[in-house]
Amino acid sequence: MKNSYAEMTYAELVAKRDDLRREALNLRMAKVLGHVENPLAIRTTRRDIARLNTLIHEYALGIRTKSN
């Protein structure tokens, strides 16, 4: 999964990050209610969001080009 993010376009990265943010919110709410089936999913989702933010920031810095 880590390598597949590097192959995504800028728009796909932003869309995926938004989806993961919604998922993270739902997982946090489920944790508060005490119904999380997989507590590890919270950590992996948070780390995936960080990976996506890093790649998006690379586009902003010009390290990656938006034409990819």
PDB file of N, CA and C in Angstrom:
ATOM      1  N   MET A   1       0.820  -1.183   0.000  1.00  0.00           N
ATOM      2  CA  MET A   1       0.000   0.000   0.000  1.00  0.00           C
ATOM      3  C   MET A   1       0.869   1.254   0.000  1.00  0.00           C
ATOM      4  N   LYS A   2       1.993   1.214   0.671  1.00  0.00           N
ATOM      5  CA  LYS A   2       2.844   2.392   0.750  1.00  0.00           C
ATOM      6  C   LYS A   2       3.294   2.832  -0.642  1.00  0.00           C
ATOM      7  N   ASN A   3       3.699   1.883  -1.470  1.00  0.00           N
ATOM      8  CA  ASN A   3       4.206   2.223  -2.791  1.00  0.00           C
ATOM      9  C   ASN A   3       3.100   2.683  -3.731  1.00  0.00           C
ATOM     10  N   SER A   4       1.884   2.233  -3.512  1.00  0.00           N
ATOM     11  CA  SER A   4       0.800   2.630  -4.404  1.00  0.00           C
ATOM     12  C   SER A   4       0.478   4.119  -4.258  1.00  0.00           C
ATOM     13  N   TYR A   5       0.720   4.692  -3.088  1.00  0.00           N
ATOM     14  CA  TYR A   5       0.475   6.118  -2.910  1.00  0.00           C
ATOM     15  C   TYR A   5       1.426   6.941  -3.769  1.00  0.00           C
ATOM     16  N   ALA A   6       2.645   6.498  -3.932  1.00  0.00           N
ATOM     17  CA  ALA A   6       3.632   7.246  -4.706  1.00  0.00           C
ATOM     18  C   ALA A   6       3.257   7.305  -6.182  1.00  0.00           C
ATOM     19  N   GLU A   7       2.450   6.377  -6.626  1.00  0.00           N
ATOM     20  CA  GLU A   7       2.061   6.335  -8.036  1.00  0.00           C
ATOM     21  C   GLU A   7       0.784   7.115  -8.325  1.00  0.00           C
ATOM     22  N   MET A   8       0.139   7.640  -7.290  1.00  0.00           N
ATOM     23  CA  MET A   8      -1.110   8.378  -7.475  1.00  0.00           C
ATOM     24  C   MET A   8      -0.848   9.803  -7.940  1.00  0.00           C
ATOM     25  N   THR A   9      -1.843  10.368  -8.625  1.00  0.00           N
ATOM     26  CA  THR A   9      -1.756  11.766  -9.030  1.00  0.00           C
ATOM     27  C   THR A   9      -2.123  12.653  -7.841  1.00  0.00           C
ATOM     28  N   TYR A  10      -1.902  13.944  -8.005  1.00  0.00           N
ATOM     29  CA  TYR A  10      -2.185  14.899  -6.931  1.00  0.00           C
ATOM     30  C   TYR A  10      -3.659  14.854  -6.529  1.00  0.00           C
ATOM     31  N   ALA A  11      -4.546  14.862  -7.508  1.00  0.00           N
ATOM     32  CA  ALA A  11      -5.985  14.855  -7.215  1.00  0.00           C
ATOM     33  C   ALA A  11      -6.399  13.570  -6.503  1.00  0.00           C
ATOM     34  N   GLU A  12      -5.826  12.453  -6.903  1.00  0.00           N
ATOM     35  CA  GLU A  12      -6.140  11.184  -6.255  1.00  0.00           C
ATOM     36  C   GLU A  12      -5.647  11.171  -4.812  1.00  0.00           C
ATOM     37  N   LEU A  13      -4.475  11.761  -4.577  1.00  0.00           N
ATOM     38  CA  LEU A  13      -3.935  11.826  -3.219  1.00  0.00           C
ATOM     39  C   LEU A  13      -4.843  12.640  -2.302  1.00  0.00           C
ATOM     40  N   VAL A  14      -5.302  13.774  -2.801  1.00  0.00           N
ATOM     41  CA  VAL A  14      -6.171  14.635  -1.995  1.00  0.00           C
ATOM     42  C   VAL A  14      -7.497  13.929  -1.714  1.00  0.00           C
ATOM     43  N   ALA A  15      -8.050  13.261  -2.714  1.00  0.00           N
ATOM     44  CA  ALA A  15      -9.317  12.546  -2.525  1.00  0.00           C
ATOM     45  C   ALA A  15      -9.154  11.399  -1.530  1.00  0.00           C
ATOM     46  N   LYS A  16      -8.065  10.663  -1.642  1.00  0.00           N
ATOM     47  CA  LYS A  16      -7.811   9.550  -0.730  1.00  0.00           C
ATOM     48  C   LYS A  16      -7.619  10.057   0.698  1.00  0.00           C
ATOM     49  N   ARG A  17      -6.910  11.188   0.845  1.00  0.00           N
ATOM     50  CA  ARG A  17      -6.710  11.766   2.174  1.00  0.00           C
ATOM     51  C   ARG A  17      -8.047  12.161   2.797  1.00  0.00           C
ATOM     52  N   ASP A  18      -8.924  12.749   2.007  1.00  0.00           N
ATOM     53  CA  ASP A  18     -10.239  13.131   2.527  1.00  0.00           C
ATOM     54  C   ASP A  18     -11.031  11.904   2.975  1.00  0.00           C
ATOM     55  N   ASP A  19     -10.957  10.831   2.189  1.00  0.00           N
ATOM     56  CA  ASP A  19     -11.646   9.593   2.565  1.00  0.00           C
ATOM     57  C   ASP A  19     -11.083   9.027   3.866  1.00  0.00           C
ATOM     58  N   LEU A  20      -9.764   9.041   3.989  1.00  0.00           N
ATOM     59  CA  LEU A  20      -9.143   8.509   5.201  1.00  0.00           C
ATOM     60  C   LEU A  20      -9.439   9.381   6.419  1.00  0.00           C
ATOM     61  N   ARG A  21      -9.548  10.682   6.214  1.00  0.00           N
ATOM     62  CA  ARG A  21      -9.902  11.564   7.335  1.00  0.00           C
ATOM     63  C   ARG A  21     -11.297  11.240   7.847  1.00  0.00           C
ATOM     64  N   ARG A  22     -12.232  10.992   6.909  1.00  0.00           N
ATOM     65  CA  ARG A  22     -13.583  10.609   7.319  1.00  0.00           C
ATOM     66  C   ARG A  22     -13.568   9.277   8.059  1.00  0.00           C
ATOM     67  N   GLU A  23     -12.778   8.341   7.543  1.00  0.00           N
ATOM     68  CA  GLU A  23     -12.668   7.034   8.186  1.00  0.00           C
ATOM     69  C   GLU A  23     -12.066   7.165   9.585  1.00  0.00           C
ATOM     70  N   ALA A  24     -11.049   8.013   9.731  1.00  0.00           N
ATOM     71  CA  ALA A  24     -10.423   8.224  11.035  1.00  0.00           C
ATOM     72  C   ALA A  24     -11.423   8.826  12.017  1.00  0.00           C
ATOM     73  N   LEU A  25     -12.230   9.752  11.543  1.00  0.00           N
ATOM     74  CA  LEU A  25     -13.250  10.347  12.400  1.00  0.00           C
ATOM     75  C   LEU A  25     -14.240   9.286  12.873  1.00  0.00           C
ATOM     76  N   ASN A  26     -14.673   8.441  11.950  1.00  0.00           N
ATOM     77  CA  ASN A  26     -15.613   7.376  12.312  1.00  0.00           C
ATOM     78  C   ASN A  26     -14.989   6.401  13.305  1.00  0.00           C
ATOM     79  N   LEU A  27     -13.711   6.090  13.122  1.00  0.00           N
ATOM     80  CA  LEU A  27     -13.038   5.182  14.049  1.00  0.00           C
ATOM     81  C   LEU A  27     -12.898   5.805  15.438  1.00  0.00           C
ATOM     82  N   ARG A  28     -12.593   7.101  15.477  1.00  0.00           N
ATOM     83  CA  ARG A  28     -12.491   7.776  16.777  1.00  0.00           C
ATOM     84  C   ARG A  28     -13.834   7.792  17.491  1.00  0.00           C
ATOM     85  N   MET A  29     -14.891   8.042  16.732  1.00  0.00           N
ATOM     86  CA  MET A  29     -16.225   8.045  17.336  1.00  0.00           C
ATOM     87  C   MET A  29     -16.585   6.654  17.849  1.00  0.00           C
ATOM     88  N   ALA A  30     -16.242   5.632  17.082  1.00  0.00           N
ATOM     89  CA  ALA A  30     -16.518   4.261  17.511  1.00  0.00           C
ATOM     90  C   ALA A  30     -15.708   3.911  18.754  1.00  0.00           C
ATOM     91  N   LYS A  31     -14.499   4.437  18.834  1.00  0.00           N
ATOM     92  CA  LYS A  31     -13.663   4.174  20.009  1.00  0.00           C
ATOM     93  C   LYS A  31     -14.285   4.787  21.258  1.00  0.00           C
ATOM     94  N   VAL A  32     -14.806   5.984  21.118  1.00  0.00           N
ATOM     95  CA  VAL A  32     -15.451   6.644  22.253  1.00  0.00           C
ATOM     96  C   VAL A  32     -16.666   5.843  22.710  1.00  0.00           C
ATOM     97  N   LEU A  33     -17.393   5.313  21.746  1.00  0.00           N
ATOM     98  CA  LEU A  33     -18.576   4.526  22.080  1.00  0.00           C
ATOM     99  C   LEU A  33     -18.219   3.120  22.542  1.00  0.00           C
ATOM    100  N   GLY A  34     -16.976   2.711  22.295  1.00  0.00           N
ATOM    101  CA  GLY A  34     -16.515   1.411  22.758  1.00  0.00           C
ATOM    102  C   GLY A  34     -16.802   0.265  21.818  1.00  0.00           C
ATOM    103  N   HIS A  35     -16.968   0.542  20.526  1.00  0.00           N
ATOM    104  CA  HIS A  35     -17.317  -0.504  19.574  1.00  0.00           C
ATOM    105  C   HIS A  35     -16.297  -0.651  18.449  1.00  0.00           C
ATOM    106  N   VAL A  36     -15.026  -0.512  18.741  1.00  0.00           N
ATOM    107  CA  VAL A  36     -14.008  -0.650  17.702  1.00  0.00           C
ATOM    108  C   VAL A  36     -13.631  -2.121  17.587  1.00  0.00           C
ATOM    109  N   GLU A  37     -13.850  -2.686  16.402  1.00  0.00           N
ATOM    110  CA  GLU A  37     -13.520  -4.092  16.193  1.00  0.00           C
ATOM    111  C   GLU A  37     -12.015  -4.288  16.049  1.00  0.00           C
ATOM    112  N   ASN A  38     -11.357  -3.332  15.389  1.00  0.00           N
ATOM    113  CA  ASN A  38      -9.924  -3.442  15.151  1.00  0.00           C
ATOM    114  C   ASN A  38      -9.244  -2.150  15.613  1.00  0.00           C
ATOM    115  N   PRO A  39      -8.761  -2.106  16.845  1.00  0.00           N
ATOM    116  CA  PRO A  39      -8.133  -0.881  17.347  1.00  0.00           C
ATOM    117  C   PRO A  39      -6.883  -0.481  16.562  1.00  0.00           C
ATOM    118  N   LEU A  40      -6.239  -1.440  15.937  1.00  0.00           N
ATOM    119  CA  LEU A  40      -5.049  -1.151  15.142  1.00  0.00           C
ATOM    120  C   LEU A  40      -5.389  -0.304  13.916  1.00  0.00           C
ATOM    121  N   ALA A  41      -6.625  -0.356  13.468  1.00  0.00           N
ATOM    122  CA  ALA A  41      -7.041   0.416  12.298  1.00  0.00           C
ATOM    123  C   ALA A  41      -6.910   1.914  12.536  1.00  0.00           C
ATOM    124  N   ILE A  42      -7.065   2.346  13.777  1.00  0.00           N
ATOM    125  CA  ILE A  42      -6.928   3.771  14.089  1.00  0.00           C
ATOM    126  C   ILE A  42      -5.503   4.222  13.795  1.00  0.00           C
ATOM    127  N   ARG A  43      -4.537   3.437  14.239  1.00  0.00           N
ATOM    128  CA  ARG A  43      -3.132   3.785  14.034  1.00  0.00           C
ATOM    129  C   ARG A  43      -2.754   3.745  12.554  1.00  0.00           C
ATOM    130  N   THR A  44      -3.166   2.693  11.862  1.00  0.00           N
ATOM    131  CA  THR A  44      -2.793   2.577  10.453  1.00  0.00           C
ATOM    132  C   THR A  44      -3.438   3.673   9.614  1.00  0.00           C
ATOM    133  N   THR A  45      -4.658   4.039   9.942  1.00  0.00           N
ATOM    134  CA  THR A  45      -5.328   5.118   9.218  1.00  0.00           C
ATOM    135  C   THR A  45      -4.608   6.439   9.442  1.00  0.00           C
ATOM    136  N   ARG A  46      -4.236   6.696  10.686  1.00  0.00           N
ATOM    137  CA  ARG A  46      -3.526   7.935  11.007  1.00  0.00           C
ATOM    138  C   ARG A  46      -2.181   8.001  10.271  1.00  0.00           C
ATOM    139  N   ARG A  47      -1.493   6.883  10.199  1.00  0.00           N
ATOM    140  CA  ARG A  47      -0.196   6.853   9.507  1.00  0.00           C
ATOM    141  C   ARG A  47      -0.357   6.996   7.998  1.00  0.00           C
ATOM    142  N   ASP A  48      -1.411   6.412   7.451  1.00  0.00           N
ATOM    143  CA  ASP A  48      -1.666   6.574   6.019  1.00  0.00           C
ATOM    144  C   ASP A  48      -1.960   8.033   5.680  1.00  0.00           C
ATOM    145  N   ILE A  49      -2.700   8.708   6.555  1.00  0.00           N
ATOM    146  CA  ILE A  49      -2.971  10.134   6.343  1.00  0.00           C
ATOM    147  C   ILE A  49      -1.661  10.916   6.357  1.00  0.00           C
ATOM    148  N   ALA A  50      -0.764  10.571   7.261  1.00  0.00           N
ATOM    149  CA  ALA A  50       0.537  11.251   7.326  1.00  0.00           C
ATOM    150  C   ALA A  50       1.347  10.999   6.057  1.00  0.00           C
ATOM    151  N   ARG A  51       1.308   9.769   5.546  1.00  0.00           N
ATOM    152  CA  ARG A  51       2.019   9.469   4.294  1.00  0.00           C
ATOM    153  C   ARG A  51       1.466  10.311   3.143  1.00  0.00           C
ATOM    154  N   LEU A  52       0.146  10.401   3.076  1.00  0.00           N
ATOM    155  CA  LEU A  52      -0.477  11.182   2.012  1.00  0.00           C
ATOM    156  C   LEU A  52      -0.143  12.662   2.160  1.00  0.00           C
ATOM    157  N   ASN A  53      -0.155  13.169   3.388  1.00  0.00           N
ATOM    158  CA  ASN A  53       0.205  14.569   3.608  1.00  0.00           C
ATOM    159  C   ASN A  53       1.634  14.846   3.165  1.00  0.00           C
ATOM    160  N   THR A  54       2.523  13.895   3.388  1.00  0.00           N
ATOM    161  CA  THR A  54       3.914  14.050   2.958  1.00  0.00           C
ATOM    162  C   THR A  54       3.996  14.150   1.445  1.00  0.00           C
ATOM    163  N   LEU A  55       3.295  13.271   0.746  1.00  0.00           N
ATOM    164  CA  LEU A  55       3.332  13.300  -0.716  1.00  0.00           C
ATOM    165  C   LEU A  55       2.692  14.574  -1.264  1.00  0.00           C
ATOM    166  N   ILE A  56       1.604  15.012  -0.656  1.00  0.00           N
ATOM    167  CA  ILE A  56       0.950  16.252  -1.092  1.00  0.00           C
ATOM    168  C   ILE A  56       1.882  17.439  -0.868  1.00  0.00           C
ATOM    169  N   HIS A  57       2.598  17.436   0.239  1.00  0.00           N
ATOM    170  CA  HIS A  57       3.549  18.516   0.527  1.00  0.00           C
ATOM    171  C   HIS A  57       4.702  18.509  -0.475  1.00  0.00           C
ATOM    172  N   GLU A  58       5.113  17.326  -0.918  1.00  0.00           N
ATOM    173  CA  GLU A  58       6.159  17.242  -1.938  1.00  0.00           C
ATOM    174  C   GLU A  58       5.701  17.905  -3.235  1.00  0.00           C
ATOM    175  N   TYR A  59       4.438  17.767  -3.574  1.00  0.00           N
ATOM    176  CA  TYR A  59       3.913  18.466  -4.748  1.00  0.00           C
ATOM    177  C   TYR A  59       3.982  19.974  -4.533  1.00  0.00           C
ATOM    178  N   ALA A  60       3.646  20.424  -3.329  1.00  0.00           N
ATOM    179  CA  ALA A  60       3.658  21.859  -3.035  1.00  0.00           C
ATOM    180  C   ALA A  60       5.072  22.426  -3.105  1.00  0.00           C
ATOM    181  N   LEU A  61       6.059  21.635  -2.700  1.00  0.00           N
ATOM    182  CA  LEU A  61       7.448  22.091  -2.729  1.00  0.00           C
ATOM    183  C   LEU A  61       8.077  21.977  -4.113  1.00  0.00           C
ATOM    184  N   GLY A  62       7.427  21.251  -5.003  1.00  0.00           N
ATOM    185  CA  GLY A  62       7.961  21.077  -6.344  1.00  0.00           C
ATOM    186  C   GLY A  62       8.860  19.871  -6.488  1.00  0.00           C
ATOM    187  N   ILE A  63       8.943  19.048  -5.460  1.00  0.00           N
ATOM    188  CA  ILE A  63       9.748  17.830  -5.538  1.00  0.00           C
ATOM    189  C   ILE A  63       9.105  16.856  -6.514  1.00  0.00           C
ATOM    190  N   ARG A  64       7.793  16.801  -6.487  1.00  0.00           N
ATOM    191  CA  ARG A  64       7.025  16.003  -7.442  1.00  0.00           C
ATOM    192  C   ARG A  64       6.287  16.964  -8.360  1.00  0.00           C
ATOM    193  N   THR A  65       6.018  16.515  -9.568  1.00  0.00           N
ATOM    194  CA  THR A  65       5.278  17.360 -10.493  1.00  0.00           C
ATOM    195  C   THR A  65       3.849  16.871 -10.596  1.00  0.00           C
ATOM    196  N   LYS A  66       2.934  17.788 -10.830  1.00  0.00           N
ATOM    197  CA  LYS A  66       1.519  17.432 -10.899  1.00  0.00           C
ATOM    198  C   LYS A  66       1.160  16.726 -12.195  1.00  0.00           C
ATOM    199  N   SER A  67       2.077  16.656 -13.129  1.00  0.00           N
ATOM    200  CA  SER A  67       1.793  15.985 -14.394  1.00  0.00           C
ATOM    201  C   SER A  67       1.884  14.475 -14.275  1.00  0.00           C
ATOM    202  N   ASN A  68       2.425  13.964 -13.156  1.00  0.00           N
ATOM    203  CA  ASN A  68       2.557  12.509 -12.975  1.00  0.00           C
ATOM    204  C   ASN A  68       1.224  11.856 -12.852  1.00  0.00           C
TER     205      ASN A  68
END
